[in-house]
Protein backbone atom coordinates (compact mmCIF):
# COMPACT_ATOMS: atom_id res chain seq x y z
CA MET A 1 -7.25 5.48 -8.36
CA ALA A 2 -5.69 2.28 -7.08
CA ILE A 3 -7.85 -0.79 -7.43
CA HIS A 4 -7.39 -3.42 -4.75
CA GLU A 5 -8.80 -6.83 -4.06
CA THR A 6 -8.33 -8.84 -0.88
CA GLU A 7 -8.81 -12.57 -0.96
CA GLU A 8 -8.08 -15.50 1.27
CA ARG A 9 -5.43 -17.83 -0.06
CA ASN A 10 -4.15 -20.83 1.88
CA GLY A 11 -5.74 -19.46 5.06
CA LYS A 12 -4.02 -16.06 4.73
CA LEU A 13 -5.35 -12.74 3.47
CA ARG A 14 -3.71 -11.46 0.31
CA THR A 15 -4.25 -8.01 -1.21
CA VAL A 16 -3.45 -7.30 -4.86
CA MET A 17 -3.21 -3.67 -6.03
CA LYS A 18 -3.37 -2.32 -9.56
CA LEU A 19 -2.01 1.18 -10.14
CA GLU A 20 -2.12 3.49 -13.13
CA PRO A 21 1.24 4.67 -14.54
CA GLY A 22 2.57 7.47 -12.31
CA GLU A 23 0.07 6.74 -9.53
CA ARG A 24 1.31 6.82 -5.94
CA VAL A 25 -0.25 5.28 -2.81
CA ALA A 26 0.69 5.05 0.88
CA LEU A 27 0.17 1.64 2.46
CA CYS A 28 -0.35 1.11 6.18
CA ARG A 29 2.35 -0.63 8.25
CA CYS A 30 0.98 0.10 11.73
CA MET A 31 -2.05 -2.17 11.08
CA ARG A 32 -4.43 0.37 12.67
CA SER A 33 -5.64 2.36 9.66
CA LYS A 34 -9.40 2.62 9.26
CA GLU A 35 -8.71 2.71 5.50
CA PHE A 36 -6.52 -0.43 5.51
CA PRO A 37 -4.62 -1.38 3.39
CA PHE A 38 -4.17 2.35 2.74
CA CYS A 39 -2.54 4.65 5.30
CA ASP A 40 -4.84 7.17 7.01
CA GLY A 41 -2.16 8.75 9.23
CA THR A 42 -3.09 6.80 12.39
CA HIS A 43 0.60 5.92 12.89
CA LYS A 44 1.26 9.57 13.80
CA GLN A 45 -0.69 9.04 17.05
CA LEU A 46 1.26 5.90 18.00
CA GLU A 47 4.64 5.53 19.65
CA GLY A 48 7.52 4.33 17.54
CA LYS A 49 8.94 5.13 14.15
CA THR A 50 6.55 3.21 11.91
CA GLY A 51 5.29 5.11 8.89
CA PRO A 52 3.63 4.13 5.63
CA VAL A 53 5.10 2.27 2.67
CA ILE A 54 5.01 4.54 -0.38
CA ILE A 55 4.42 2.73 -3.68
CA GLU A 56 4.74 4.58 -6.97
CA ALA A 57 3.99 3.05 -10.37
CA LEU A 58 6.55 4.11 -12.94
CA GLN A 59 5.49 6.10 -15.99
CA GLN A 60 7.38 3.70 -18.24
CA ALA A 61 9.28 0.44 -17.92
CA VAL A 62 12.82 0.58 -16.58
CA GLU A 63 15.35 -0.76 -19.08
CA GLU A 64 17.83 -3.28 -17.72
CA GLU A 65 21.47 -2.78 -18.62
């Protein structure tokens, strides 16, 4: 499960997430989720086209060419 920590830095909130290889999370962009910073589907009840940001940790490092 994703581990997250939110801290104040220079007067702004900053959230750092740590994911396991292959783990996938949906992050809120509507700013109304009761599970913030994770998406709880609240955006579906709002007008507009905003949906979550999907973050997926790769199983292995991507090799640069």
